Protein backbone atom coordinates (compact mmCIF):
# COMPACT_ATOMS: atom_id res chain seq x y z
CA MET A 1 55.67 51.66 33.98
CA ASN A 2 52.50 51.57 36.00
CA GLY A 3 49.32 49.79 34.97
CA LEU A 4 47.72 52.86 33.41
CA GLN A 5 50.69 53.50 31.15
CA VAL A 6 50.73 49.85 30.07
CA ALA A 7 47.00 49.98 29.28
CA LYS A 8 47.47 53.20 27.27
CA GLU A 9 50.32 51.62 25.30
CA ILE A 10 48.27 48.50 24.56
CA LEU A 11 45.30 50.62 23.42
CA SER A 12 47.56 52.80 21.31
CA GLN A 13 49.04 49.76 19.56
CA ALA A 14 45.59 48.21 19.04
CA ARG A 15 44.29 51.47 17.57
CA TYR A 16 47.28 51.69 15.25
CA HIS A 17 46.74 48.14 13.96
CA PHE A 18 42.97 48.60 13.52
CA TYR A 19 43.51 51.75 11.49
CA ARG A 20 46.13 50.04 9.36
CA LEU A 21 43.65 47.22 8.77
CA SER A 22 40.94 49.68 7.74
CA GLY A 23 43.18 50.94 4.93
CA VAL A 24 43.47 47.48 3.34
CA GLU A 25 41.48 47.02 0.14
CA VAL A 26 40.25 43.78 -1.43
CA TYR A 27 39.03 44.10 -5.02
CA GLY A 28 38.83 47.87 -4.55
CA VAL A 29 36.62 47.68 -1.44
CA GLN A 30 38.01 48.65 1.94
CA ILE A 31 38.04 45.71 4.34
CA ASP A 32 36.57 48.07 6.95
CA ILE A 33 33.38 48.43 4.91
CA PHE A 34 33.09 44.67 4.42
CA LEU A 35 33.61 44.02 8.14
CA HIS A 36 30.90 46.54 9.09
CA PHE A 37 28.52 44.86 6.62
CA LEU A 38 29.34 41.42 8.03
CA VAL A 39 29.17 42.38 11.70
CA GLY A 40 25.96 44.39 11.21
CA GLY A 41 24.37 41.36 9.56
CA ILE A 42 25.56 38.97 12.26
CA ILE A 43 24.34 41.20 15.10
CA PHE A 44 20.95 41.63 13.42
CA TYR A 45 20.69 37.87 12.76
CA LEU A 46 21.46 37.00 16.38
CA CYS A 47 19.02 39.60 17.70
CA ARG A 48 16.36 38.61 15.18
CA ARG A 49 16.35 35.04 16.44
CA ARG A 50 15.20 36.28 19.83
CA TYR A 51 13.48 39.64 19.31
CA PRO A 52 11.10 41.23 16.79
CA VAL A 53 12.48 43.26 13.88
CA ILE A 54 12.08 46.69 15.48
CA LYS A 55 13.78 45.67 18.71
CA SER A 56 16.58 44.00 16.74
CA LEU A 57 17.11 47.22 14.78
CA ALA A 58 17.09 49.21 18.02
CA ILE A 59 19.80 46.98 19.48
CA LEU A 60 21.85 47.24 16.29
CA THR A 61 21.42 51.03 16.30
CA ALA A 62 22.53 51.27 19.93
CA LEU A 63 25.62 49.19 19.22
CA ILE A 64 26.49 51.17 16.07
CA LEU A 65 26.10 54.50 17.86
CA SER A 66 28.15 53.26 20.82
CA LYS A 67 30.91 52.17 18.48
CA GLU A 68 30.88 55.51 16.66
CA ILE A 69 31.01 57.46 19.93
CA ILE A 70 34.00 55.38 20.99
CA ASN A 71 35.57 56.11 17.59
CA VAL A 72 35.22 59.85 18.19
CA PHE A 73 37.31 59.57 21.34
CA ALA A 74 39.70 57.04 19.81
CA HIS A 75 40.47 59.36 16.89
CA SER A 76 42.79 61.51 18.94
CA GLU A 77 45.49 61.31 16.28
CA LEU A 78 44.44 62.92 13.00
CA ARG A 79 46.88 60.87 10.95
CA TYR A 80 44.49 57.91 11.22
CA ILE A 81 41.44 59.76 9.87
CA GLN A 82 41.07 60.24 6.13
CA ASN A 83 37.58 61.77 6.13
CA PRO A 84 35.88 61.39 9.52
CA ARG A 85 32.35 62.35 8.45
CA MET A 86 32.29 59.95 5.52
CA ASP A 87 33.94 57.24 7.62
CA THR A 88 31.12 57.42 10.17
CA PHE A 89 28.50 57.61 7.42
CA TRP A 90 29.80 54.51 5.63
CA ASP A 91 30.18 52.59 8.89
CA VAL A 92 26.52 53.17 9.72
CA VAL A 93 25.21 52.60 6.19
CA THR A 94 27.11 49.35 5.67
CA SER A 95 26.04 48.01 9.08
CA TYR A 96 22.39 48.63 8.17
CA ALA A 97 22.97 47.15 4.71
CA GLY A 98 24.20 43.96 6.38
CA ALA A 99 21.08 43.90 8.55
CA ALA A 100 18.85 44.53 5.52
CA SER A 101 20.50 41.67 3.65
CA VAL A 102 19.85 39.28 6.52
CA TYR A 103 16.25 40.49 6.76
CA LEU A 104 15.64 40.02 3.02
CA VAL A 105 17.10 36.52 3.10
CA SER A 106 14.95 35.64 6.13
CA ILE A 107 11.81 36.79 4.29
CA ARG A 108 12.58 34.89 1.10
CA LYS A 109 14.05 31.78 2.68
CA PRO A 110 12.68 31.42 6.22
CA LYS A 111 14.49 28.13 6.79
CA ALA A 112 17.85 29.72 5.90
CA CYS A 113 17.68 31.93 8.99
């Protein structure tokens, strides 16, 4: 196998495992939704420490949209997609919910953030 075939195989396996992980539920909530909430909050928190709120949201938006565009191309096998429109919707909404949670905590408890 050449290098390109090896890279394709590695990406295929990674995609398979990520999609299996996204089907896991904890207390009735998909782990994928929780991870988007958590990562959205962490990204916003890290950006917020350095930039104003609007710029932090712009960075988060750029990262979310980049991830979703990559997902469009990664979803070449339909067996991994349950409902692609709702998947994208919930990914974006939960990422912003994580950011909103961090923002609300930072307003109420400035020393916590």
